Amino acid sequence: MFSFSFKNRIAFYYIISTGLLVGVVFFVIYHVINHSVNSHINEDITDEVNKHLEEIEFDPNETYLIQVDEWREREHNTVNVNPVFVQFLDINHQLIDKSPNLKGLQLKMYSTKLNNQFIDTYLNKKPIRQIQVPLLNKNKVTGYLFIAMSLDDATMILNNLRETLLIAFPLILLLLFLIARLIAGRSISPVTLITEISSKITKDNLKERIVLPQNKDELYILSKTINDLLDRIENAVEREKQFTSDASHELRTPLTVLKGTLEVLIRKPRNQQEYQDKINYCISEVNRLNHLVDQLLLLARFENQNQTLKIENVALNSVVLEVISRFSTVIDAKKIKIKTEFTKNSLVNTDPYLLSIILTNLISNAIKYSDSDTVLIIKLYKENNTIKCAIIDEGIGIAEADLEKIFHQFYRSDSISHPEIKGTGLGLSIVRKLCTLLNIEIEISSKENSGTQVILSFPFTN
């Protein structure tokens, strides 16, 4: 199988379709001319038959043709470019007379079944068309009239036409192929430009873009689609670089703290209390590091949204109470009052494990950023064919300018003003990815120093 270039394939397919059309046209032309030539010959023969029938008379015995002398005289005085052969036979198929141009030859008599029909035959090895017409007198056959014409000229015309068409056909196809190839080359020149520009795009050069054609056709759509794809790839690469940088920084910080603390411990002997304090501090940093690694692994796991989900009916109120119980120690330590407002049978169709992660992160944030002796309200209610879960705290809140950034990885709002609140800035990023995966809508509203409200909307399940 030959491997054609795209340009040659376009030209080839064009030639296939055009060749079929030209072939059909040539076929029709040949057969129309063939029919026209043969019809003209048939008409000439028919005219000759009628003319001779008008001149024929019978003698009283109804056996011999008369006025033969007049017929011969007319034949000698008539000039025919295409000679007409005339022959008369009697009832016994015996020759009565014939045109001088037959000379020593005679037209063949065929079966009476072929009377009044055109017959293609040969005379002296030359093609002719003849007709044999019975001569009737009082409905009785008394003889036969034969009229024939040469087919040499017609055959020559048709043969020449056939040869001309057969020679012209491949030449026309070749010419059309060259023209189609030229046109195809110009038509796909934008594709060549796209290829050249695309070859310049590498992981280190993602800024290059394809120049959009002026005509908003399919190539324009292709170019724009590729540019949009490059934009998404560039953004993804930038996010990946930023994530790697931020993750490296976040991982390096506790390691640096651990290293510094241990170096201080070995510089000189310490008392037991100092060792114990520093070791406890190192343990807290190790725990922080473990938590950060767990969240990074979780992000990596659900970065691809084509995950296998275990969807089932889940009692939302039970999951909320379970999560609250995990933070009972912190809640008691900060003297936070938990207020729940649940409707009955708050069933949602979702993945229970991922839902638990979402609620754990949100309730953890609500407790972490709430002041002591405040109220944390968790509501479950139905609204407009959805089940909503509202988590409302009275914490430090989020500045309006930061609300658009809180889902970014490693972003922490006003972390400098609250160094005592530890975190990685990954919790809400994980929450948003999982909400997208589970088709859960999430809305966050907040006001500084007043608190934050998070609302999750689940499709209603009967």
Protein backbone atom coordinates (compact mmCIF):
# COMPACT_ATOMS: atom_id res chain seq x y z
CA MET A 1 0.00 0.00 0.00
CA PHE A 2 1.50 3.33 -1.08
CA SER A 3 1.91 6.00 1.55
CA PHE A 4 0.59 9.28 0.12
CA SER A 5 1.05 12.67 1.65
CA PHE A 6 -2.08 14.48 2.79
CA LYS A 7 -1.87 16.77 -0.24
CA ASN A 8 -1.57 13.83 -2.63
CA ARG A 9 -4.42 11.99 -0.90
CA ILE A 10 -6.71 14.99 -1.42
CA ALA A 11 -5.70 15.13 -5.09
CA PHE A 12 -6.09 11.35 -5.43
CA TYR A 13 -9.59 11.30 -3.93
CA TYR A 14 -10.52 14.25 -6.13
CA ILE A 15 -9.27 12.40 -9.20
CA ILE A 16 -11.21 9.25 -8.26
CA SER A 17 -14.49 11.16 -8.02
CA THR A 18 -13.75 13.34 -11.06
CA GLY A 19 -12.57 10.31 -13.06
CA LEU A 20 -15.85 8.55 -12.42
CA LEU A 21 -17.76 11.63 -13.52
CA VAL A 22 -15.63 12.13 -16.67
CA GLY A 23 -15.94 8.41 -17.45
CA VAL A 24 -19.73 8.61 -17.22
CA VAL A 25 -19.76 11.74 -19.41
CA PHE A 26 -17.53 10.10 -22.05
CA PHE A 27 -19.69 6.97 -21.96
CA VAL A 28 -22.82 9.04 -22.53
CA ILE A 29 -21.18 11.06 -25.31
CA TYR A 30 -20.06 7.94 -27.15
CA HIS A 31 -23.43 6.24 -26.92
CA VAL A 32 -25.34 9.39 -27.90
CA ILE A 33 -23.18 9.81 -31.02
CA ASN A 34 -23.38 6.06 -31.74
CA HIS A 35 -27.17 6.25 -31.49
CA SER A 36 -27.26 9.40 -33.63
CA VAL A 37 -25.09 7.91 -36.39
CA ASN A 38 -27.03 4.66 -36.49
CA SER A 39 -30.35 6.49 -36.42
CA HIS A 40 -29.22 8.63 -39.34
CA ILE A 41 -28.26 5.55 -41.35
CA ASN A 42 -31.56 3.86 -40.50
CA GLU A 43 -33.47 6.96 -41.59
CA ASP A 44 -31.58 7.09 -44.88
CA ILE A 45 -32.30 3.42 -45.56
CA THR A 46 -35.97 3.93 -44.68
CA ASP A 47 -36.19 6.92 -47.04
CA GLU A 48 -34.70 4.82 -49.83
CA VAL A 49 -37.18 2.03 -49.15
CA ASN A 50 -40.14 4.40 -49.31
CA LYS A 51 -38.85 6.05 -52.46
CA HIS A 52 -38.45 2.73 -54.26
CA LEU A 53 -41.76 1.37 -53.08
CA GLU A 54 -43.51 4.35 -54.66
CA GLU A 55 -41.93 3.55 -58.03
CA ILE A 56 -42.84 -0.11 -58.14
CA GLU A 57 -45.73 -1.39 -60.26
CA PHE A 58 -46.76 -4.93 -61.12
CA ASP A 59 -47.65 -6.50 -64.46
CA PRO A 60 -50.95 -8.30 -64.96
CA ASN A 61 -49.38 -11.60 -64.00
CA GLU A 62 -48.34 -10.04 -60.68
CA THR A 63 -44.89 -11.58 -61.02
CA TYR A 64 -42.54 -9.02 -62.55
CA LEU A 65 -41.54 -5.55 -61.53
CA ILE A 66 -41.97 -2.84 -64.10
CA GLN A 67 -40.48 0.65 -64.52
CA VAL A 68 -37.04 -0.84 -63.97
CA ASP A 69 -35.62 1.30 -66.77
CA GLU A 70 -36.79 4.45 -65.05
CA TRP A 71 -35.25 3.27 -61.76
CA ARG A 72 -31.92 2.58 -63.45
CA GLU A 73 -31.91 5.97 -65.13
CA ARG A 74 -32.50 7.70 -61.79
CA GLU A 75 -29.81 5.65 -60.12
CA HIS A 76 -27.28 6.70 -62.77
CA ASN A 77 -28.19 10.37 -62.41
CA THR A 78 -28.14 10.43 -58.57
CA VAL A 79 -24.95 11.33 -56.72
CA ASN A 80 -24.63 9.68 -53.26
CA VAL A 81 -21.72 10.33 -50.93
CA ASN A 82 -22.66 7.19 -49.04
CA PRO A 83 -23.55 4.68 -51.78
CA VAL A 84 -26.90 2.91 -51.61
CA PHE A 85 -27.11 -0.70 -52.72
CA VAL A 86 -30.43 -1.74 -54.23
CA GLN A 87 -31.55 -5.19 -55.20
CA PHE A 88 -34.81 -6.78 -56.38
CA LEU A 89 -35.70 -10.47 -56.03
CA ASP A 90 -38.79 -12.28 -57.16
CA ILE A 91 -40.97 -14.59 -55.13
CA ASN A 92 -38.53 -17.42 -55.80
CA HIS A 93 -35.61 -15.36 -54.51
CA GLN A 94 -34.24 -14.99 -58.02
CA LEU A 95 -32.50 -11.77 -58.93
CA ILE A 96 -34.56 -9.39 -61.03
CA ASP A 97 -32.30 -6.39 -60.94
CA LYS A 98 -29.74 -4.59 -58.78
CA SER A 99 -27.89 -1.29 -58.61
CA PRO A 100 -24.72 -1.06 -60.73
CA ASN A 101 -22.54 -0.42 -57.66
CA LEU A 102 -23.14 -4.02 -56.55
CA LYS A 103 -21.27 -5.18 -59.66
CA GLY A 104 -20.79 -8.92 -59.38
CA LEU A 105 -21.96 -9.07 -55.76
CA GLN A 106 -25.41 -9.75 -54.41
CA LEU A 107 -27.12 -8.89 -51.11
CA LYS A 108 -27.84 -11.91 -48.96
CA MET A 109 -31.37 -13.10 -48.41
CA TYR A 110 -32.21 -13.82 -44.76
CA SER A 111 -35.08 -15.61 -43.10
CA THR A 112 -38.47 -14.03 -43.60
CA LYS A 113 -38.59 -13.55 -39.83
CA LEU A 114 -36.13 -10.70 -40.36
CA ASN A 115 -38.32 -8.90 -42.92
CA ASN A 116 -38.49 -5.13 -42.40
CA GLN A 117 -35.66 -5.29 -39.83
CA PHE A 118 -32.23 -3.70 -40.04
CA ILE A 119 -29.48 -6.30 -40.34
CA ASP A 120 -25.78 -5.60 -39.90
CA THR A 121 -23.81 -7.86 -42.21
CA TYR A 122 -20.88 -7.81 -44.63
CA LEU A 123 -20.57 -7.23 -48.36
CA ASN A 124 -17.21 -8.16 -49.83
CA LYS A 125 -15.87 -8.17 -46.26
CA LYS A 126 -17.08 -4.60 -45.76
CA PRO A 127 -19.65 -3.81 -43.07
CA ILE A 128 -23.09 -2.81 -44.33
CA ARG A 129 -26.59 -2.42 -42.96
CA GLN A 130 -29.43 -3.74 -45.02
CA ILE A 131 -33.15 -4.28 -44.90
CA GLN A 132 -35.25 -6.71 -46.86
CA VAL A 133 -38.80 -5.55 -47.57
CA PRO A 134 -41.41 -7.92 -49.01
CA LEU A 135 -43.29 -6.50 -52.00
CA LEU A 136 -47.02 -7.01 -51.57
CA ASN A 137 -49.69 -7.01 -54.21
CA LYS A 138 -53.18 -7.58 -52.85
CA ASN A 139 -51.62 -8.75 -49.60
CA LYS A 140 -49.61 -11.34 -51.46
CA VAL A 141 -45.79 -11.37 -51.50
CA THR A 142 -44.62 -11.09 -55.09
CA GLY A 143 -40.95 -10.23 -54.52
CA TYR A 144 -38.39 -8.53 -52.28
CA LEU A 145 -36.71 -5.16 -52.20
CA PHE A 146 -33.24 -4.95 -50.63
CA ILE A 147 -31.73 -1.64 -49.56
CA ALA A 148 -28.25 -1.50 -48.00
CA MET A 149 -25.76 1.17 -47.03
CA SER A 150 -22.10 0.95 -46.17
CA LEU A 151 -21.11 1.28 -42.50
CA ASP A 152 -17.49 2.13 -43.24
CA ASP A 153 -17.84 5.83 -42.51
CA ALA A 154 -19.96 5.28 -39.40
CA THR A 155 -17.57 2.65 -38.07
CA MET A 156 -14.61 4.91 -38.75
CA ILE A 157 -16.27 7.84 -36.95
CA LEU A 158 -17.18 5.73 -33.94
CA ASN A 159 -13.76 4.08 -33.78
CA ASN A 160 -12.03 7.44 -33.98
CA LEU A 161 -14.30 8.83 -31.31
CA ARG A 162 -13.67 5.82 -29.04
CA GLU A 163 -9.91 6.06 -29.48
CA THR A 164 -9.98 9.81 -28.88
CA LEU A 165 -11.96 9.40 -25.67
CA LEU A 166 -9.73 6.57 -24.45
CA ILE A 167 -6.59 8.65 -25.06
CA ALA A 168 -8.12 11.84 -23.66
CA PHE A 169 -9.38 10.17 -20.47
CA PRO A 170 -5.98 9.46 -18.80
CA LEU A 171 -4.57 12.76 -20.07
CA ILE A 172 -7.48 14.65 -18.54
CA LEU A 173 -7.06 12.72 -15.27
CA LEU A 174 -3.34 13.50 -15.18
CA LEU A 175 -3.97 17.18 -15.83
CA LEU A 176 -6.72 17.28 -13.20
CA PHE A 177 -4.42 15.51 -10.72
CA LEU A 178 -1.70 18.14 -11.18
CA ILE A 179 -4.23 20.96 -10.85
CA ALA A 180 -5.86 19.33 -7.79
CA ARG A 181 -2.45 18.79 -6.21
CA LEU A 182 -1.58 22.45 -6.73
CA ILE A 183 -4.90 23.61 -5.30
CA ALA A 184 -4.65 21.14 -2.39
CA GLY A 185 -1.13 22.37 -1.64
CA ARG A 186 -2.33 25.94 -1.40
CA SER A 187 -5.40 24.89 0.61
CA ILE A 188 -3.39 23.06 3.27
CA SER A 189 -0.63 25.66 3.51
CA PRO A 190 -2.19 26.88 6.82
CA VAL A 191 -1.86 23.30 8.10
CA THR A 192 1.83 23.37 7.18
CA LEU A 193 2.15 26.64 9.10
CA ILE A 194 0.40 25.05 12.08
CA THR A 195 2.86 22.14 11.93
CA GLU A 196 5.87 24.45 11.79
CA ILE A 197 4.70 26.52 14.74
CA SER A 198 3.70 23.44 16.72
CA SER A 199 7.18 21.97 16.24
CA LYS A 200 8.61 25.02 17.99
CA ILE A 201 6.49 24.41 21.08
CA THR A 202 8.37 22.52 23.80
CA LYS A 203 8.11 22.18 27.56
CA ASP A 204 10.43 25.16 27.85
CA ASN A 205 8.60 27.22 25.22
CA LEU A 206 4.86 27.17 25.82
CA LYS A 207 4.32 30.82 24.89
CA GLU A 208 4.26 30.17 21.13
CA ARG A 209 0.82 30.41 19.54
CA ILE A 210 -0.58 29.73 16.08
CA VAL A 211 -1.58 32.78 14.07
CA LEU A 212 -5.33 32.57 13.45
CA PRO A 213 -6.39 32.65 9.75
CA GLN A 214 -8.50 35.58 8.60
CA ASN A 215 -11.30 33.35 7.34
CA LYS A 216 -13.25 31.77 10.18
CA ASP A 217 -13.40 28.35 8.58
CA GLU A 218 -12.43 24.86 9.77
CA LEU A 219 -8.72 25.79 9.87
CA TYR A 220 -9.56 28.79 12.03
CA ILE A 221 -11.44 26.52 14.44
CA LEU A 222 -8.53 24.05 14.43
CA SER A 223 -5.98 26.80 15.11
CA LYS A 224 -8.10 28.31 17.88
CA THR A 225 -8.67 24.89 19.44
CA ILE A 226 -4.93 24.19 19.45
CA ASN A 227 -4.24 27.63 20.97
CA ASP A 228 -6.85 26.99 23.67
CA LEU A 229 -5.26 23.60 24.33
CA LEU A 230 -1.84 25.24 24.63
CA ASP A 231 -3.29 27.77 27.06
CA ARG A 232 -4.64 24.97 29.23
CA ILE A 233 -1.36 23.06 29.04
CA GLU A 234 0.63 26.18 29.92
CA ASN A 235 -1.66 26.91 32.87
CA ALA A 236 -1.43 23.29 34.01
CA VAL A 237 2.37 23.34 33.75
CA GLU A 238 2.52 26.66 35.63
CA ARG A 239 0.26 25.26 38.34
CA GLU A 240 2.39 22.13 38.50
CA LYS A 241 5.55 24.21 38.86
CA GLN A 242 3.90 26.35 41.51
CA PHE A 243 2.63 23.28 43.32
CA THR A 244 6.06 21.66 43.24
CA SER A 245 7.66 24.85 44.52
CA ASP A 246 5.09 25.29 47.27
CA ALA A 247 5.18 21.62 48.25
CA SER A 248 8.98 21.70 48.42
CA HIS A 249 8.81 24.79 50.60
CA GLU A 250 6.17 23.33 52.91
CA LEU A 251 8.09 20.07 53.24
CA ARG A 252 11.40 21.82 53.77
CA THR A 253 10.08 24.03 56.60
CA PRO A 254 9.35 21.30 59.18
CA LEU A 255 12.51 19.44 58.15
CA THR A 256 14.54 22.59 58.70
CA VAL A 257 12.90 23.10 62.08
CA LEU A 258 13.60 19.50 63.04
CA LYS A 259 17.22 19.76 61.95
CA GLY A 260 17.73 23.06 63.80
CA THR A 261 16.13 21.76 67.00
CA LEU A 262 18.23 18.58 66.99
CA GLU A 263 21.42 20.56 66.29
CA VAL A 264 20.67 22.77 69.30
CA LEU A 265 20.15 19.70 71.47
CA ILE A 266 23.58 18.20 70.66
CA ARG A 267 25.57 21.38 71.12
CA LYS A 268 25.70 20.97 74.88
CA PRO A 269 24.14 18.80 77.58
CA ARG A 270 20.56 19.69 78.58
CA ASN A 271 18.44 18.85 81.55
CA GLN A 272 15.66 16.33 81.21
CA GLN A 273 12.91 18.92 80.92
CA GLU A 274 14.67 20.69 78.05
CA TYR A 275 15.17 17.40 76.23
CA GLN A 276 11.55 16.50 76.76
CA ASP A 277 10.30 19.88 75.50
CA LYS A 278 12.46 19.76 72.37
CA ILE A 279 11.53 16.14 71.63
CA ASN A 280 7.82 16.93 72.02
CA TYR A 281 8.28 19.88 69.69
CA CYS A 282 9.99 17.63 67.14
CA ILE A 283 7.18 15.12 67.42
CA SER A 284 4.63 17.87 66.71
CA GLU A 285 6.61 18.87 63.61
CA VAL A 286 6.80 15.23 62.48
CA ASN A 287 3.03 14.99 62.91
CA ARG A 288 2.63 18.17 60.89
CA LEU A 289 4.90 16.72 58.21
CA ASN A 290 2.90 13.47 58.15
CA HIS A 291 -0.33 15.41 57.81
CA LEU A 292 1.12 17.44 54.94
CA VAL A 293 2.31 14.29 53.14
CA ASP A 294 -1.11 12.67 53.60
CA GLN A 295 -2.82 15.68 52.04
CA LEU A 296 -0.35 15.82 49.15
CA LEU A 297 -0.97 12.14 48.44
CA LEU A 298 -4.71 12.75 48.61
CA LEU A 299 -4.43 15.60 46.12
CA ALA A 300 -2.33 13.48 43.77
CA ARG A 301 -4.79 10.61 44.05
CA PHE A 302 -7.80 12.68 43.05
CA GLU A 303 -6.09 14.95 40.55
CA ASN A 304 -7.50 12.71 37.84
CA GLN A 305 -11.29 12.93 38.06
CA ASN A 306 -11.79 9.53 36.39
CA GLN A 307 -11.77 7.75 39.72
CA THR A 308 -13.79 4.70 40.62
CA LEU A 309 -16.46 5.96 42.98
CA LYS A 310 -18.46 3.81 45.37
CA ILE A 311 -21.78 5.60 45.16
CA GLU A 312 -24.45 4.63 47.70
CA ASN A 313 -27.17 6.14 49.84
CA VAL A 314 -25.54 7.86 52.81
CA ALA A 315 -27.22 9.30 55.91
CA LEU A 316 -25.71 12.79 55.97
CA ASN A 317 -26.57 13.48 59.60
CA SER A 318 -24.73 10.32 60.73
CA VAL A 319 -21.57 11.33 58.85
CA VAL A 320 -21.69 14.86 60.36
CA LEU A 321 -22.06 13.49 63.91
CA GLU A 322 -19.22 11.03 63.33
CA VAL A 323 -16.89 13.83 62.17
CA ILE A 324 -17.86 16.03 65.13
CA SER A 325 -17.01 13.20 67.54
CA ARG A 326 -13.47 13.02 66.12
CA PHE A 327 -12.83 16.60 67.20
CA SER A 328 -14.49 16.31 70.61
CA THR A 329 -11.19 16.86 72.44
CA VAL A 330 -10.42 20.10 70.58
CA ILE A 331 -14.04 21.25 70.89
CA ASP A 332 -13.97 20.73 74.65
CA ALA A 333 -10.57 22.41 74.96
CA LYS A 334 -11.76 25.55 73.14
CA LYS A 335 -15.17 25.39 74.86
CA ILE A 336 -16.94 25.60 71.51
CA LYS A 337 -20.66 24.95 71.59
CA ILE A 338 -21.89 22.72 68.74
CA LYS A 339 -25.46 23.42 67.63
CA THR A 340 -27.03 21.00 65.15
CA GLU A 341 -30.26 21.48 63.22
CA PHE A 342 -31.03 18.31 61.27
CA THR A 343 -34.03 17.30 59.21
CA LYS A 344 -35.03 13.65 59.26
CA ASN A 345 -33.83 11.21 56.60
CA SER A 346 -31.16 13.42 55.04
CA LEU A 347 -30.08 10.78 52.54
CA VAL A 348 -27.65 11.65 49.77
CA ASN A 349 -26.36 9.50 46.91
CA THR A 350 -22.58 9.83 47.07
CA ASP A 351 -19.28 8.20 48.05
CA PRO A 352 -19.23 7.95 51.88
CA TYR A 353 -15.42 7.95 52.17
CA LEU A 354 -14.94 11.07 50.06
CA LEU A 355 -17.88 12.78 51.77
CA SER A 356 -16.23 12.13 55.12
CA ILE A 357 -13.01 13.78 53.87
CA ILE A 358 -14.96 16.86 52.70
CA LEU A 359 -16.83 17.29 55.99
CA THR A 360 -13.69 16.57 58.04
CA ASN A 361 -11.77 19.36 56.30
CA LEU A 362 -14.62 21.87 56.56
CA ILE A 363 -15.51 21.16 60.20
CA SER A 364 -11.80 21.07 61.10
CA ASN A 365 -11.35 24.54 59.57
CA ALA A 366 -14.44 25.85 61.36
CA ILE A 367 -13.10 24.65 64.73
CA LYS A 368 -9.52 25.74 64.00
CA TYR A 369 -10.45 29.32 63.07
CA SER A 370 -13.13 29.75 65.77
CA ASP A 371 -12.38 31.62 68.98
CA SER A 372 -12.96 30.02 72.36
CA ASP A 373 -16.46 30.16 73.85
CA THR A 374 -18.15 30.55 70.44
CA VAL A 375 -20.92 28.65 68.70
CA LEU A 376 -20.52 26.35 65.69
CA ILE A 377 -23.82 25.70 63.88
CA ILE A 378 -24.32 22.77 61.49
CA LYS A 379 -27.63 22.64 59.60
CA LEU A 380 -29.11 19.98 57.34
CA TYR A 381 -32.22 21.02 55.41
CA LYS A 382 -34.05 20.58 52.12
CA GLU A 383 -34.42 23.39 49.61
CA ASN A 384 -35.51 23.33 45.94
CA ASN A 385 -35.01 19.59 45.42
CA THR A 386 -31.60 19.69 47.07
CA ILE A 387 -30.29 18.73 50.46
CA LYS A 388 -28.05 21.40 51.93
CA CYS A 389 -25.43 21.21 54.65
CA ALA A 390 -24.52 24.56 56.20
CA ILE A 391 -21.48 24.94 58.48
CA ILE A 392 -21.52 28.32 60.24
CA ASP A 393 -18.80 29.46 62.65
CA GLU A 394 -18.06 32.64 64.60
CA GLY A 395 -14.37 32.63 63.83
CA ILE A 396 -11.87 35.14 62.47
CA GLY A 397 -13.47 35.13 59.01
CA ILE A 398 -11.89 35.69 55.62
CA ALA A 399 -11.19 38.99 53.92
CA GLU A 400 -13.37 39.61 50.85
CA ALA A 401 -10.27 39.98 48.65
CA ASP A 402 -9.08 36.51 49.70
CA LEU A 403 -12.32 34.63 49.01
CA GLU A 404 -11.36 33.96 45.38
CA LYS A 405 -8.00 32.49 46.43
CA ILE A 406 -8.95 30.20 49.28
CA PHE A 407 -9.24 27.16 46.98
CA HIS A 408 -5.69 27.62 45.68
CA GLN A 409 -3.17 25.07 46.86
CA PHE A 410 -1.04 26.19 49.86
CA TYR A 411 -2.91 29.49 50.10
CA ARG A 412 -3.71 30.62 53.65
CA SER A 413 -5.62 33.83 54.28
CA ASP A 414 -3.83 36.29 56.61
CA SER A 415 -1.56 33.58 58.06
CA ILE A 416 0.93 36.20 59.29
CA SER A 417 -1.63 37.78 61.63
CA HIS A 418 -2.45 34.38 63.12
CA PRO A 419 0.82 32.42 63.40
CA GLU A 420 -0.64 30.34 66.19
CA ILE A 421 -3.06 28.67 63.75
CA LYS A 422 -1.16 25.92 61.96
CA GLY A 423 -2.14 24.62 58.53
CA THR A 424 -0.93 23.61 55.09
CA GLY A 425 -3.34 25.52 52.87
CA LEU A 426 -4.38 22.28 51.12
CA GLY A 427 -7.66 21.50 52.87
CA LEU A 428 -10.02 23.63 50.78
CA SER A 429 -8.19 22.67 47.58
CA ILE A 430 -8.91 19.02 48.40
CA VAL A 431 -12.51 19.87 49.25
CA ARG A 432 -13.11 21.58 45.91
CA LYS A 433 -11.61 18.70 43.91
CA LEU A 434 -13.74 16.16 45.73
CA CYS A 435 -16.88 18.30 45.40
CA THR A 436 -16.28 18.52 41.66
CA LEU A 437 -15.78 14.77 41.52
CA LEU A 438 -19.03 14.11 43.39
CA ASN A 439 -21.08 16.87 41.69
CA ILE A 440 -21.54 18.71 44.97
CA GLU A 441 -21.94 22.49 44.83
CA ILE A 442 -19.98 24.45 47.42
CA GLU A 443 -20.51 28.10 48.39
CA ILE A 444 -18.42 30.04 50.90
CA SER A 445 -19.29 33.43 52.32
CA SER A 446 -17.37 35.18 55.05
CA LYS A 447 -16.76 38.44 56.85
CA GLU A 448 -13.66 39.34 58.80
CA ASN A 449 -13.97 38.99 62.57
CA SER A 450 -17.58 37.78 62.20
CA GLY A 451 -17.32 34.22 60.93
CA THR A 452 -17.64 32.02 57.85
CA GLN A 453 -20.51 30.09 56.29
CA VAL A 454 -19.99 27.08 54.02
CA ILE A 455 -22.98 25.54 52.21
CA LEU A 456 -22.83 22.16 50.43
CA SER A 457 -25.70 21.33 48.04
CA PHE A 458 -26.48 17.69 47.27
CA PRO A 459 -28.97 16.44 44.66
CA PHE A 460 -32.14 15.26 46.42
CA THR A 461 -32.49 11.49 46.81
CA ASN A 462 -35.89 9.92 47.42
